[in-house]
């Protein structure tokens, strides 16, 4: 079996030759709702638990990542969004169409400061939001188990701001 990169495992696309790579492009569809998808890293059959990255801002090498819609999120913005989700919602749905399918049971935003406080060397794991859900809907859980739903998909509203790339003056 060929070894996959972390980005292939997580479903993240990095810039290649200064061009952003993605599959869905919400900018072309004039969508204001942003969605990101990250693979489920672990699931526990008998407990109906699924865990994985909800979103990653910065990889282990310190590079900011680009998501499926060619968006980037700063760690502070991700942290605030995660706190709002935990405080106000905590519910998982099915494909952004139907709610009440899962309940958030684990959430931590790994920032560099938190990693240092926990004794995790910075650069070991990404700066990002790790989540876990208890899947309460049997049909949805079967789809998680059979691989139909292999990723978490987050949705939120944001103001899209154009970011200009720094050009080396060498």
Protein backbone atom coordinates (compact mmCIF):
# COMPACT_ATOMS: atom_id res chain seq x y z
CA UNK A 1 0.00 0.00 0.00
CA UNK A 2 1.37 3.43 -0.98
CA UNK A 3 1.99 5.83 1.91
CA UNK A 4 -0.31 8.85 1.83
CA UNK A 5 0.74 12.33 2.84
CA UNK A 6 -0.99 14.06 5.74
CA UNK A 7 -2.71 16.31 3.21
CA UNK A 8 -4.09 13.36 1.26
CA UNK A 9 -5.31 11.79 4.50
CA UNK A 10 -6.98 14.98 5.65
CA UNK A 11 -8.32 16.01 2.24
CA UNK A 12 -6.35 19.26 2.21
CA UNK A 13 -4.96 20.88 -0.89
CA UNK A 14 -1.81 22.99 -0.66
CA UNK A 15 -0.59 25.57 -3.11
CA UNK A 16 1.38 24.07 -5.95
CA UNK A 17 3.61 26.32 -8.04
CA UNK A 18 1.94 29.36 -6.45
CA UNK A 19 -1.45 28.15 -7.76
CA UNK A 20 -4.17 26.99 -5.41
CA UNK A 21 -5.58 23.53 -6.01
CA UNK A 22 -9.12 22.57 -5.08
CA UNK A 23 -12.13 20.59 -6.21
CA UNK A 24 -15.08 22.84 -5.38
CA UNK A 25 -14.81 26.55 -5.98
CA UNK A 26 -17.51 28.50 -4.16
CA UNK A 27 -16.17 31.83 -5.49
CA UNK A 28 -17.34 30.85 -8.97
CA UNK A 29 -20.81 30.08 -7.63
CA UNK A 30 -21.15 33.35 -5.68
CA UNK A 31 -21.67 31.42 -2.46
CA UNK A 32 -21.27 33.26 0.83
CA UNK A 33 -21.34 30.07 2.88
CA UNK A 34 -17.94 28.45 3.24
CA UNK A 35 -17.55 24.71 3.60
CA UNK A 36 -14.47 22.66 4.38
CA UNK A 37 -14.03 18.90 4.44
CA UNK A 38 -11.60 16.82 6.50
CA UNK A 39 -11.40 13.05 6.73
CA UNK A 40 -12.64 11.23 9.77
CA UNK A 41 -9.48 9.97 11.46
CA UNK A 42 -10.94 7.55 13.97
CA UNK A 43 -14.31 5.99 14.65
CA UNK A 44 -15.45 3.64 17.38
CA UNK A 45 -18.10 1.24 16.12
CA UNK A 46 -19.76 0.25 19.35
CA UNK A 47 -19.81 3.79 20.72
CA UNK A 48 -20.93 5.60 17.53
CA UNK A 49 -18.04 8.04 17.93
CA UNK A 50 -16.18 9.73 15.09
CA UNK A 51 -13.14 12.01 15.49
CA UNK A 52 -11.07 14.16 13.15
CA UNK A 53 -9.98 17.62 12.11
CA UNK A 54 -12.80 20.09 11.52
CA UNK A 55 -10.37 22.59 10.03
CA UNK A 56 -6.64 23.25 9.88
CA UNK A 57 -5.12 26.71 9.65
CA UNK A 58 -1.40 25.99 9.61
CA UNK A 59 0.44 22.75 8.89
CA UNK A 60 3.34 21.34 10.90
CA UNK A 61 5.85 23.16 8.70
CA UNK A 62 4.23 26.51 9.52
CA UNK A 63 2.50 27.00 6.15
CA UNK A 64 -1.05 28.35 6.03
CA UNK A 65 -3.34 25.93 4.21
CA UNK A 66 -5.88 26.52 1.47
CA UNK A 67 -9.21 24.68 1.70
CA UNK A 68 -11.49 23.24 -1.00
CA UNK A 69 -12.95 26.68 -1.76
CA UNK A 70 -9.51 28.34 -2.00
CA UNK A 71 -10.02 29.94 1.40
CA UNK A 72 -7.59 30.30 4.28
CA UNK A 73 -8.55 30.88 7.90
CA UNK A 74 -6.29 32.51 10.45
CA UNK A 75 -5.82 30.58 13.70
CA UNK A 76 -7.50 33.32 15.79
CA UNK A 77 -10.56 33.32 13.52
CA UNK A 78 -10.76 29.53 13.60
CA UNK A 79 -10.50 29.53 17.39
CA UNK A 80 -13.31 32.11 17.70
CA UNK A 81 -15.52 30.19 15.26
CA UNK A 82 -14.93 26.94 17.15
CA UNK A 83 -15.82 28.55 20.47
CA UNK A 84 -19.01 30.01 18.99
CA UNK A 85 -20.00 26.62 17.56
CA UNK A 86 -19.44 24.86 20.89
CA UNK A 87 -21.23 27.59 22.82
CA UNK A 88 -24.22 28.00 20.52
CA UNK A 89 -24.78 24.82 18.48
CA UNK A 90 -22.94 21.54 19.23
CA UNK A 91 -25.18 19.66 16.78
CA UNK A 92 -24.01 17.63 13.82
CA UNK A 93 -26.13 17.20 10.74
CA UNK A 94 -26.19 15.24 7.53
CA UNK A 95 -24.74 16.89 4.43
CA UNK A 96 -25.85 20.38 5.59
CA UNK A 97 -29.44 19.36 4.81
CA UNK A 98 -30.73 17.73 7.98
CA UNK A 99 -29.81 18.35 11.60
CA UNK A 100 -30.08 16.36 14.83
CA UNK A 101 -27.85 13.49 13.66
CA UNK A 102 -24.90 13.89 16.02
CA UNK A 103 -23.79 15.65 19.18
CA UNK A 104 -20.39 17.24 19.71
CA UNK A 105 -18.55 15.42 22.51
CA UNK A 106 -14.98 16.65 21.96
CA UNK A 107 -13.52 19.91 20.74
CA UNK A 108 -10.08 21.48 21.02
CA UNK A 109 -8.40 24.12 18.95
CA UNK A 110 -4.70 23.34 18.93
CA UNK A 111 -2.85 26.66 18.86
CA UNK A 112 0.92 26.98 19.25
CA UNK A 113 0.36 28.39 22.75
CA UNK A 114 -1.83 25.45 23.78
CA UNK A 115 0.61 22.93 22.31
CA UNK A 116 3.44 24.46 24.36
CA UNK A 117 1.27 24.36 27.51
CA UNK A 118 0.47 20.68 26.89
CA UNK A 119 4.06 19.75 26.20
CA UNK A 120 3.41 19.01 22.53
CA UNK A 121 6.35 20.29 20.49
CA UNK A 122 5.18 22.96 18.04
CA UNK A 123 5.34 21.51 14.55
CA UNK A 124 4.25 18.04 15.68
CA UNK A 125 0.59 18.51 14.81
CA UNK A 126 -1.21 21.19 12.79
CA UNK A 127 -2.68 24.38 14.21
CA UNK A 128 -6.31 23.42 13.85
CA UNK A 129 -9.64 22.38 15.31
CA UNK A 130 -10.03 18.73 16.38
CA UNK A 131 -13.57 17.45 17.00
CA UNK A 132 -15.43 14.33 18.03
CA UNK A 133 -19.12 13.54 17.53
CA UNK A 134 -21.46 10.97 19.00
CA UNK A 135 -23.55 9.97 15.98
CA UNK A 136 -27.13 9.47 17.20
CA UNK A 137 -28.80 8.67 13.89
CA UNK A 138 -28.44 4.98 12.92
CA UNK A 139 -28.67 5.61 9.15
CA UNK A 140 -25.96 8.28 9.33
CA UNK A 141 -23.77 6.01 11.47
CA UNK A 142 -24.06 3.21 8.89
CA UNK A 143 -22.86 5.68 6.24
CA UNK A 144 -19.88 6.63 8.43
CA UNK A 145 -19.04 2.95 8.91
CA UNK A 146 -19.33 2.02 5.22
CA UNK A 147 -17.27 5.04 4.12
CA UNK A 148 -20.08 7.00 2.45
CA UNK A 149 -19.40 9.78 4.97
CA UNK A 150 -15.65 9.72 5.40
CA UNK A 151 -15.12 13.39 6.22
CA UNK A 152 -16.39 16.13 8.46
CA UNK A 153 -17.78 19.08 6.58
CA UNK A 154 -17.98 22.39 8.37
CA UNK A 155 -20.12 25.27 7.21
CA UNK A 156 -20.10 28.89 8.22
CA UNK A 157 -20.48 32.41 7.02
CA UNK A 158 -17.50 34.65 6.49
CA UNK A 159 -16.45 37.74 4.67
CA UNK A 160 -14.10 36.78 1.87
CA UNK A 161 -11.05 39.06 1.79
CA UNK A 162 -8.52 38.95 -1.05
CA UNK A 163 -5.03 38.08 0.18
CA UNK A 164 -2.08 39.21 -1.85
CA UNK A 165 0.92 36.89 -1.89
CA UNK A 166 4.30 38.23 -0.86
CA UNK A 167 6.72 38.24 -3.77
CA UNK A 168 10.36 37.67 -2.88
CA UNK A 169 12.53 40.58 -3.93
CA UNK A 170 15.61 38.39 -4.44
